[in-house]
Amino acid sequence: MEAFTHAVELGTHMLELDCHLTRDGQVVVSHDENLLRQTGSDVNISSLNYEELPLYKERLEVTFNTGHFSSGADRKLALLEDLFRKFPKMPVNIELKERNPALIDKVSELVKRYDREHLTVWATTSSSIMKICRSTNASMPYMFTVSRALWLLLLFYSGLLPFLPLGENFLQFYLPRVINRTFIPESGILRKRVVVALIEKLTMRRSLFQHLVKRGIQVQLFVCNTDEDIRAAFAVGATGVMTDYPTLLTHYLHTHTHST
């Protein structure tokens, strides 16, 4: 919670997080379901009650900045409900990585309880998970999944995009230049320089992003942890960037107002 508080105090416009469900039905904010990397204990969140969850490590490696570490006084895993209580007006992007209807139901229930349907975004790369999210709560804005993003590119390059409806509210995508630099992918194919160059060529199209923005769709690129990456994201037409370093981003925005 300390990290979110710091970001909000700096003027962050949206929080991005992942959620998982404990054995006793609590929605926990955590990037990983397995806590080995974050806590040093090889346990899954789903196998423990909330009060049994281990504390974060005193020094935690930044996921998208290998070799760099963060630390803080608050080492307890946060509950989504506590975050909603503390930041009632703050937009929150919730990524769900697992096909877990119980988790999705709980998230939707909390969103409704705290009157946040207009402030909380369904986010997942999986179309099958998104289908459950949308059937559970269709009032929440949502992002393009991987398959829908590929369909979007097909429509763009075929010239059909202006003539077809889009239901999504957000396009969220890796800034390709961070791949194999600050973000080391598990997939072997993404470690090939030519593949990343092709992805950048096909996806980082300013005309595409401008078209989406005109249709009311936000374009957010991640994870931008240097001034150069932030500058590149805005230069191609992003309306927002995601970062692990809100202080860095805030300073950039204050000194480069023309870029946004």
C-alpha atoms as a PDB file:
ATOM      1  CA  MET A   1       0.000   0.000   0.000  1.00  0.00           C
ATOM      2  CA  GLU A   2       2.955   2.297   0.639  1.00  0.00           C
ATOM      3  CA  ALA A   3       3.919   2.243  -3.049  1.00  0.00           C
ATOM      4  CA  PHE A   4       0.380   3.098  -4.172  1.00  0.00           C
ATOM      5  CA  THR A   5       0.159   5.926  -1.632  1.00  0.00           C
ATOM      6  CA  HIS A   6       3.442   7.347  -2.903  1.00  0.00           C
ATOM      7  CA  ALA A   7       2.221   7.212  -6.512  1.00  0.00           C
ATOM      8  CA  VAL A   8      -1.094   8.895  -5.696  1.00  0.00           C
ATOM      9  CA  GLU A   9       0.628  11.655  -3.728  1.00  0.00           C
ATOM     10  CA  LEU A  10       2.791  12.378  -6.783  1.00  0.00           C
ATOM     11  CA  GLY A  11      -0.303  12.887  -8.920  1.00  0.00           C
ATOM     12  CA  THR A  12      -0.604   9.531 -10.688  1.00  0.00           C
ATOM     13  CA  HIS A  13      -3.733   9.359 -12.840  1.00  0.00           C
ATOM     14  CA  MET A  14      -4.276   5.583 -12.641  1.00  0.00           C
ATOM     15  CA  LEU A  15      -3.028   2.636 -10.601  1.00  0.00           C
ATOM     16  CA  GLU A  16      -2.234  -0.665 -12.337  1.00  0.00           C
ATOM     17  CA  LEU A  17      -2.245  -3.908 -10.390  1.00  0.00           C
ATOM     18  CA  ASP A  18      -2.849  -7.664 -10.461  1.00  0.00           C
ATOM     19  CA  CYS A  19      -5.173  -9.577  -8.147  1.00  0.00           C
ATOM     20  CA  HIS A  20      -5.358 -13.096  -6.731  1.00  0.00           C
ATOM     21  CA  LEU A  21      -7.721 -14.879  -4.347  1.00  0.00           C
ATOM     22  CA  THR A  22      -6.700 -16.331  -0.986  1.00  0.00           C
ATOM     23  CA  ARG A  23      -8.052 -19.580   0.438  1.00  0.00           C
ATOM     24  CA  ASP A  24     -10.438 -17.616   2.668  1.00  0.00           C
ATOM     25  CA  GLY A  25     -11.773 -15.560  -0.241  1.00  0.00           C
ATOM     26  CA  GLN A  26      -9.824 -12.304   0.140  1.00  0.00           C
ATOM     27  CA  VAL A  27      -8.795 -10.422  -3.013  1.00  0.00           C
ATOM     28  CA  VAL A  28      -5.080  -9.699  -2.670  1.00  0.00           C
ATOM     29  CA  VAL A  29      -3.059  -7.237  -4.722  1.00  0.00           C
ATOM     30  CA  SER A  30      -0.011  -9.107  -6.000  1.00  0.00           C
ATOM     31  CA  HIS A  31       1.801  -9.397  -9.310  1.00  0.00           C
ATOM     32  CA  ASP A  32       2.449 -13.127  -8.799  1.00  0.00           C
ATOM     33  CA  GLU A  33       0.213 -15.965  -7.619  1.00  0.00           C
ATOM     34  CA  ASN A  34       3.296 -17.829  -6.377  1.00  0.00           C
ATOM     35  CA  LEU A  35       5.133 -15.783  -3.767  1.00  0.00           C
ATOM     36  CA  LEU A  36       8.663 -17.149  -4.100  1.00  0.00           C
ATOM     37  CA  ARG A  37      10.005 -14.165  -6.061  1.00  0.00           C
ATOM     38  CA  GLN A  38       8.295 -11.556  -3.909  1.00  0.00           C
ATOM     39  CA  THR A  39       8.637 -13.075  -0.442  1.00  0.00           C
ATOM     40  CA  GLY A  40      11.158 -15.922  -0.630  1.00  0.00           C
ATOM     41  CA  SER A  41       8.445 -18.432   0.364  1.00  0.00           C
ATOM     42  CA  ASP A  42       7.461 -20.963  -2.302  1.00  0.00           C
ATOM     43  CA  VAL A  43       3.702 -20.841  -1.648  1.00  0.00           C
ATOM     44  CA  ASN A  44       0.656 -19.871  -3.687  1.00  0.00           C
ATOM     45  CA  ILE A  45      -1.712 -17.158  -2.532  1.00  0.00           C
ATOM     46  CA  SER A  46      -4.658 -19.467  -3.184  1.00  0.00           C
ATOM     47  CA  SER A  47      -3.287 -22.047  -0.732  1.00  0.00           C
ATOM     48  CA  LEU A  48      -3.220 -19.706   2.295  1.00  0.00           C
ATOM     49  CA  ASN A  49      -5.616 -17.576   4.298  1.00  0.00           C
ATOM     50  CA  TYR A  50      -4.883 -13.856   4.122  1.00  0.00           C
ATOM     51  CA  GLU A  51      -3.387 -13.657   7.619  1.00  0.00           C
ATOM     52  CA  GLU A  52      -1.003 -16.516   6.744  1.00  0.00           C
ATOM     53  CA  LEU A  53       0.566 -14.755   3.748  1.00  0.00           C
ATOM     54  CA  PRO A  54       4.300 -14.069   4.155  1.00  0.00           C
ATOM     55  CA  LEU A  55       5.694 -10.543   4.059  1.00  0.00           C
ATOM     56  CA  TYR A  56       7.425  -9.020   1.057  1.00  0.00           C
ATOM     57  CA  LYS A  57      11.211  -9.244   1.008  1.00  0.00           C
ATOM     58  CA  GLU A  58      13.001  -6.264   2.525  1.00  0.00           C
ATOM     59  CA  ARG A  59      14.515  -5.618  -0.920  1.00  0.00           C
ATOM     60  CA  LEU A  60      12.459  -6.580  -3.950  1.00  0.00           C
ATOM     61  CA  GLU A  61      13.805  -6.635  -7.508  1.00  0.00           C
ATOM     62  CA  VAL A  62      11.865  -4.392  -9.876  1.00  0.00           C
ATOM     63  CA  THR A  63      10.107  -6.704 -12.369  1.00  0.00           C
ATOM     64  CA  PHE A  64      10.788  -4.539 -15.412  1.00  0.00           C
ATOM     65  CA  ASN A  65      14.215  -3.287 -14.399  1.00  0.00           C
ATOM     66  CA  THR A  66      16.397  -6.320 -13.775  1.00  0.00           C
ATOM     67  CA  GLY A  67      19.175  -5.728 -11.258  1.00  0.00           C
ATOM     68  CA  HIS A  68      17.410  -2.807  -9.582  1.00  0.00           C
ATOM     69  CA  PHE A  69      15.676  -3.114  -6.226  1.00  0.00           C
ATOM     70  CA  SER A  70      13.025  -1.287  -4.226  1.00  0.00           C
ATOM     71  CA  SER A  71      12.316  -1.290  -0.513  1.00  0.00           C
ATOM     72  CA  GLY A  72       9.774   0.096   1.926  1.00  0.00           C
ATOM     73  CA  ALA A  73       8.492  -0.072   5.475  1.00  0.00           C
ATOM     74  CA  ASP A  74       5.114  -1.607   4.553  1.00  0.00           C
ATOM     75  CA  ARG A  75       5.813  -5.236   3.609  1.00  0.00           C
ATOM     76  CA  LYS A  76       2.287  -6.634   3.951  1.00  0.00           C
ATOM     77  CA  LEU A  77       0.384  -7.683   0.830  1.00  0.00           C
ATOM     78  CA  ALA A  78      -2.505  -5.275   0.337  1.00  0.00           C
ATOM     79  CA  LEU A  79      -6.171  -6.132  -0.011  1.00  0.00           C
ATOM     80  CA  LEU A  80      -8.021  -4.730  -2.993  1.00  0.00           C
ATOM     81  CA  GLU A  81     -10.822  -3.590  -0.686  1.00  0.00           C
ATOM     82  CA  ASP A  82      -8.397  -1.558   1.419  1.00  0.00           C
ATOM     83  CA  LEU A  83      -7.072   0.111  -1.711  1.00  0.00           C
ATOM     84  CA  PHE A  84     -10.617   0.997  -2.832  1.00  0.00           C
ATOM     85  CA  ARG A  85     -11.316   2.477   0.604  1.00  0.00           C
ATOM     86  CA  LYS A  86      -8.146   4.536   0.651  1.00  0.00           C
ATOM     87  CA  PHE A  87      -8.390   5.851  -2.919  1.00  0.00           C
ATOM     88  CA  PRO A  88     -12.129   6.072  -3.675  1.00  0.00           C
ATOM     89  CA  LYS A  89     -11.748   8.386  -6.689  1.00  0.00           C
ATOM     90  CA  MET A  90      -8.604   6.907  -8.229  1.00  0.00           C
ATOM     91  CA  PRO A  91      -8.982   4.938 -11.499  1.00  0.00           C
ATOM     92  CA  VAL A  92      -7.603   1.409 -11.129  1.00  0.00           C
ATOM     93  CA  ASN A  93      -6.591  -1.018 -13.879  1.00  0.00           C
ATOM     94  CA  ILE A  94      -6.979  -4.608 -12.621  1.00  0.00           C
ATOM     95  CA  GLU A  95      -5.170  -7.326 -14.553  1.00  0.00           C
ATOM     96  CA  LEU A  96      -6.365 -10.891 -14.081  1.00  0.00           C
ATOM     97  CA  LYS A  97      -3.979 -13.615 -15.211  1.00  0.00           C
ATOM     98  CA  GLU A  98      -5.950 -16.693 -14.169  1.00  0.00           C
ATOM     99  CA  ARG A  99      -9.262 -18.111 -15.334  1.00  0.00           C
ATOM    100  CA  ASN A 100     -10.901 -17.972 -11.914  1.00  0.00           C
ATOM    101  CA  PRO A 101     -14.632 -17.118 -11.907  1.00  0.00           C
ATOM    102  CA  ALA A 102     -14.635 -16.856  -8.099  1.00  0.00           C
ATOM    103  CA  LEU A 103     -11.916 -14.185  -8.233  1.00  0.00           C
ATOM    104  CA  ILE A 104     -13.700 -12.313 -11.003  1.00  0.00           C
ATOM    105  CA  ASP A 105     -16.966 -12.413  -9.032  1.00  0.00           C
ATOM    106  CA  LYS A 106     -15.206 -11.051  -5.932  1.00  0.00           C
ATOM    107  CA  VAL A 107     -13.551  -8.230  -7.872  1.00  0.00           C
ATOM    108  CA  SER A 108     -16.860  -7.268  -9.477  1.00  0.00           C
ATOM    109  CA  GLU A 109     -18.602  -7.387  -6.108  1.00  0.00           C
ATOM    110  CA  LEU A 110     -16.039  -5.004  -4.591  1.00  0.00           C
ATOM    111  CA  VAL A 111     -16.233  -2.676  -7.578  1.00  0.00           C
ATOM    112  CA  LYS A 112     -20.014  -2.451  -7.218  1.00  0.00           C
ATOM    113  CA  ARG A 113     -19.888  -2.086  -3.432  1.00  0.00           C
ATOM    114  CA  TYR A 114     -17.584   0.922  -3.683  1.00  0.00           C
ATOM    115  CA  ASP A 115     -19.399   2.417  -6.685  1.00  0.00           C
ATOM    116  CA  ARG A 116     -16.347   2.155  -8.943  1.00  0.00           C
ATOM    117  CA  GLU A 117     -17.683   0.665 -12.163  1.00  0.00           C
ATOM    118  CA  HIS A 118     -16.745   3.819 -14.094  1.00  0.00           C
ATOM    119  CA  LEU A 119     -13.295   3.938 -12.450  1.00  0.00           C
ATOM    120  CA  THR A 120     -12.129   0.331 -12.654  1.00  0.00           C
ATOM    121  CA  VAL A 121     -10.818  -1.383 -15.790  1.00  0.00           C
ATOM    122  CA  TRP A 122     -10.974  -5.079 -16.656  1.00  0.00           C
ATOM    123  CA  ALA A 123      -7.525  -6.026 -17.979  1.00  0.00           C
ATOM    124  CA  THR A 124      -6.282  -9.384 -19.241  1.00  0.00           C
ATOM    125  CA  THR A 125      -4.394 -10.679 -22.270  1.00  0.00           C
ATOM    126  CA  SER A 126      -6.718 -13.691 -22.495  1.00  0.00           C
ATOM    127  CA  SER A 127      -9.968 -13.484 -24.470  1.00  0.00           C
ATOM    128  CA  SER A 128     -11.453 -16.405 -22.529  1.00  0.00           C
ATOM    129  CA  ILE A 129     -10.824 -14.625 -19.218  1.00  0.00           C
ATOM    130  CA  MET A 130     -12.143 -11.353 -20.614  1.00  0.00           C
ATOM    131  CA  LYS A 131     -15.326 -13.111 -21.703  1.00  0.00           C
ATOM    132  CA  ILE A 132     -15.971 -14.112 -18.081  1.00  0.00           C
ATOM    133  CA  CYS A 133     -15.127 -10.600 -16.860  1.00  0.00           C
ATOM    134  CA  ARG A 134     -17.521  -9.021 -19.323  1.00  0.00           C
ATOM    135  CA  SER A 135     -20.327 -11.490 -18.573  1.00  0.00           C
ATOM    136  CA  THR A 136     -19.837 -10.853 -14.845  1.00  0.00           C
ATOM    137  CA  ASN A 137     -19.824  -7.064 -15.125  1.00  0.00           C
ATOM    138  CA  ALA A 138     -20.352  -5.451 -18.514  1.00  0.00           C
ATOM    139  CA  SER A 139     -20.512  -1.946 -17.023  1.00  0.00           C
ATOM    140  CA  MET A 140     -16.762  -1.737 -16.457  1.00  0.00           C
ATOM    141  CA  PRO A 141     -14.440  -0.412 -19.187  1.00  0.00           C
ATOM    142  CA  TYR A 142     -12.054  -2.979 -20.629  1.00  0.00           C
ATOM    143  CA  MET A 143      -8.916  -3.397 -22.729  1.00  0.00           C
ATOM    144  CA  PHE A 144      -8.031  -5.212 -25.928  1.00  0.00           C
ATOM    145  CA  THR A 145      -6.921  -8.800 -25.357  1.00  0.00           C
ATOM    146  CA  VAL A 146      -4.098 -10.241 -27.472  1.00  0.00           C
ATOM    147  CA  SER A 147      -6.444 -11.824 -30.026  1.00  0.00           C
ATOM    148  CA  ARG A 148      -8.528  -8.664 -30.229  1.00  0.00           C
ATOM    149  CA  ALA A 149      -5.378  -6.565 -30.678  1.00  0.00           C
ATOM    150  CA  LEU A 150      -4.333  -8.791 -33.579  1.00  0.00           C
ATOM    151  CA  TRP A 151      -7.801  -8.323 -35.067  1.00  0.00           C
ATOM    152  CA  LEU A 152      -7.370  -4.571 -34.592  1.00  0.00           C
ATOM    153  CA  LEU A 153      -4.116  -4.638 -36.554  1.00  0.00           C
ATOM    154  CA  LEU A 154      -5.750  -6.657 -39.326  1.00  0.00           C
ATOM    155  CA  LEU A 155      -8.551  -4.096 -39.585  1.00  0.00           C
ATOM    156  CA  PHE A 156      -6.024  -1.242 -39.574  1.00  0.00           C
ATOM    157  CA  TYR A 157      -3.859  -2.638 -42.361  1.00  0.00           C
ATOM    158  CA  SER A 158      -6.855  -3.731 -44.434  1.00  0.00           C
ATOM    159  CA  GLY A 159      -8.366  -0.243 -44.264  1.00  0.00           C
ATOM    160  CA  LEU A 160     -11.565  -1.491 -42.630  1.00  0.00           C
ATOM    161  CA  LEU A 161     -10.967  -0.101 -39.147  1.00  0.00           C
ATOM    162  CA  PRO A 162     -12.923   3.172 -39.590  1.00  0.00           C
ATOM    163  CA  PHE A 163     -16.034   1.263 -40.608  1.00  0.00           C
ATOM    164  CA  LEU A 164     -16.322  -1.284 -37.799  1.00  0.00           C
ATOM    165  CA  PRO A 165     -17.360  -0.781 -34.142  1.00  0.00           C
ATOM    166  CA  LEU A 166     -14.994  -1.339 -31.224  1.00  0.00           C
ATOM    167  CA  GLY A 167     -16.193  -2.016 -27.687  1.00  0.00           C
ATOM    168  CA  GLU A 168     -12.858  -1.679 -25.917  1.00  0.00           C
ATOM    169  CA  ASN A 169     -11.854   1.441 -24.006  1.00  0.00           C
ATOM    170  CA  PHE A 170      -8.104   0.851 -23.660  1.00  0.00           C
ATOM    171  CA  LEU A 171      -5.243  -0.431 -25.785  1.00  0.00           C
ATOM    172  CA  GLN A 172      -2.394  -1.444 -23.498  1.00  0.00           C
ATOM    173  CA  PHE A 173       0.813  -2.737 -25.035  1.00  0.00           C
ATOM    174  CA  TYR A 174       4.518  -3.166 -24.403  1.00  0.00           C
ATOM    175  CA  LEU A 175       6.706  -0.423 -25.755  1.00  0.00           C
ATOM    176  CA  PRO A 176       8.775  -2.770 -27.962  1.00  0.00           C
ATOM    177  CA  ARG A 177      12.062  -0.979 -27.302  1.00  0.00           C
ATOM    178  CA  VAL A 178      12.033  -2.188 -23.663  1.00  0.00           C
ATOM    179  CA  ILE A 179      11.944  -5.863 -24.709  1.00  0.00           C
ATOM    180  CA  ASN A 180      15.289  -7.571 -24.017  1.00  0.00           C
ATOM    181  CA  ARG A 181      16.523  -4.418 -22.296  1.00  0.00           C
ATOM    182  CA  THR A 182      14.511  -3.742 -19.147  1.00  0.00           C
ATOM    183  CA  PHE A 183      12.016  -6.534 -19.828  1.00  0.00           C
ATOM    184  CA  ILE A 184      13.485  -9.994 -20.461  1.00  0.00           C
ATOM    185  CA  PRO A 185      10.758 -12.206 -21.972  1.00  0.00           C
ATOM    186  CA  GLU A 186      10.426 -15.893 -21.176  1.00  0.00           C
ATOM    187  CA  SER A 187       9.524 -16.679 -24.779  1.00  0.00           C
ATOM    188  CA  GLY A 188      12.572 -17.519 -26.879  1.00  0.00           C
ATOM    189  CA  ILE A 189      11.115 -16.008 -30.031  1.00  0.00           C
ATOM    190  CA  LEU A 190      10.817 -12.599 -28.368  1.00  0.00           C
ATOM    191  CA  ARG A 191      14.517 -12.684 -27.600  1.00  0.00           C
ATOM    192  CA  LYS A 192      15.295 -12.452 -31.305  1.00  0.00           C
ATOM    193  CA  ARG A 193      16.131  -8.895 -32.314  1.00  0.00           C
ATOM    194  CA  VAL A 194      14.508  -9.223 -35.738  1.00  0.00           C
ATOM    195  CA  VAL A 195      11.211 -10.336 -34.180  1.00  0.00           C
ATOM    196  CA  VAL A 196      11.117  -7.381 -31.804  1.00  0.00           C
ATOM    197  CA  ALA A 197      11.962  -5.026 -34.680  1.00  0.00           C
ATOM    198  CA  LEU A 198       9.065  -6.461 -36.698  1.00  0.00           C
ATOM    199  CA  ILE A 199       6.670  -6.069 -33.750  1.00  0.00           C
ATOM    200  CA  GLU A 200       7.736  -2.439 -33.365  1.00  0.00           C
ATOM    201  CA  LYS A 201       7.281  -1.796 -37.084  1.00  0.00           C
ATOM    202  CA  LEU A 202       3.781  -3.287 -37.131  1.00  0.00           C
ATOM    203  CA  THR A 203       2.397  -1.935 -33.862  1.00  0.00           C
ATOM    204  CA  MET A 204       3.952   1.465 -33.151  1.00  0.00           C
ATOM    205  CA  ARG A 205       1.901   3.325 -35.743  1.00  0.00           C
ATOM    206  CA  ARG A 206       1.015   6.881 -34.849  1.00  0.00           C
ATOM    207  CA  SER A 207      -1.861   6.954 -37.338  1.00  0.00           C
ATOM    208  CA  LEU A 208      -3.410   3.908 -35.649  1.00  0.00           C
ATOM    209  CA  PHE A 209      -3.126   5.449 -32.201  1.00  0.00           C
ATOM    210  CA  GLN A 210      -4.522   8.770 -33.409  1.00  0.00           C
ATOM    211  CA  HIS A 211      -7.524   6.966 -34.893  1.00  0.00           C
ATOM    212  CA  LEU A 212      -8.184   5.122 -31.628  1.00  0.00           C
ATOM    213  CA  VAL A 213      -7.908   8.319 -29.579  1.00  0.00           C
ATOM    214  CA  LYS A 214     -10.427  10.036 -31.860  1.00  0.00           C
ATOM    215  CA  ARG A 215     -12.796   7.170 -31.063  1.00  0.00           C
ATOM    216  CA  GLY A 216     -12.336   7.705 -27.324  1.00  0.00           C
ATOM    217  CA  ILE A 217      -9.948   4.786 -26.781  1.00  0.00           C
ATOM    218  CA  GLN A 218      -6.945   5.394 -24.518  1.00  0.00           C
ATOM    219  CA  VAL A 219      -3.538   4.118 -25.684  1.00  0.00           C
ATOM    220  CA  GLN A 220      -1.201   3.170 -22.844  1.00  0.00           C
ATOM    221  CA  LEU A 221       2.319   1.831 -23.366  1.00  0.00           C
ATOM    222  CA  PHE A 222       4.499   0.091 -20.777  1.00  0.00           C
ATOM    223  CA  VAL A 223       6.794  -0.346 -18.962  1.00  0.00           C
ATOM    224  CA  CYS A 224       8.565   3.001 -19.357  1.00  0.00           C
ATOM    225  CA  ASN A 225      11.275   3.299 -16.721  1.00  0.00           C
ATOM    226  CA  THR A 226      13.570   5.860 -18.366  1.00  0.00           C
ATOM    227  CA  ASP A 227      13.082   9.349 -19.788  1.00  0.00           C
ATOM    228  CA  GLU A 228      13.975   8.007 -23.227  1.00  0.00           C
ATOM    229  CA  ASP A 229      11.250   5.336 -23.082  1.00  0.00           C
ATOM    230  CA  ILE A 230       8.646   7.822 -21.844  1.00  0.00           C
ATOM    231  CA  ARG A 231       9.593  10.194 -24.647  1.00  0.00           C
ATOM    232  CA  ALA A 232       9.359   7.404 -27.237  1.00  0.00           C
ATOM    233  CA  ALA A 233       5.910   6.360 -26.015  1.00  0.00           C
ATOM    234  CA  PHE A 234       4.466   9.861 -26.251  1.00  0.00           C
ATOM    235  CA  ALA A 235       6.195  10.478 -29.589  1.00  0.00           C
ATOM    236  CA  VAL A 236       4.330   7.579 -31.179  1.00  0.00           C
ATOM    237  CA  GLY A 237       0.980   8.811 -29.877  1.00  0.00           C
ATOM    238  CA  ALA A 238       0.398   7.175 -26.493  1.00  0.00           C
ATOM    239  CA  THR A 239      -2.088   8.974 -24.257  1.00  0.00           C
ATOM    240  CA  GLY A 240      -0.508   7.457 -21.158  1.00  0.00           C
ATOM    241  CA  VAL A 241       2.445   5.390 -20.009  1.00  0.00           C
ATOM    242  CA  MET A 242       2.892   2.861 -17.227  1.00  0.00           C
ATOM    243  CA  THR A 243       6.029   2.974 -15.113  1.00  0.00           C
ATOM    244  CA  ASP A 244       7.572   1.432 -12.014  1.00  0.00           C
ATOM    245  CA  TYR A 245       8.944   4.865 -11.093  1.00  0.00           C
ATOM    246  CA  PRO A 246       6.153   7.435 -10.608  1.00  0.00           C
ATOM    247  CA  THR A 247       8.657  10.049  -9.410  1.00  0.00           C
ATOM    248  CA  LEU A 248      10.499   9.765 -12.728  1.00  0.00           C
ATOM    249  CA  LEU A 249       7.291  10.030 -14.737  1.00  0.00           C
ATOM    250  CA  THR A 250       5.996  12.973 -12.714  1.00  0.00           C
ATOM    251  CA  HIS A 251       9.252  14.857 -13.242  1.00  0.00           C
ATOM    252  CA  TYR A 252       9.145  14.110 -16.956  1.00  0.00           C
ATOM    253  CA  LEU A 253       5.567  15.353 -17.309  1.00  0.00           C
ATOM    254  CA  HIS A 254       6.380  18.530 -15.408  1.00  0.00           C
ATOM    255  CA  THR A 255       9.354  19.285 -17.641  1.00  0.00           C
ATOM    256  CA  HIS A 256       8.005  18.064 -20.993  1.00  0.00           C
ATOM    257  CA  THR A 257       4.413  19.287 -21.077  1.00  0.00           C
ATOM    258  CA  HIS A 258       4.539  19.551 -24.861  1.00  0.00           C
ATOM    259  CA  SER A 259       4.974  15.763 -25.132  1.00  0.00           C
ATOM    260  CA  THR A 260       1.549  14.913 -23.713  1.00  0.00           C
END
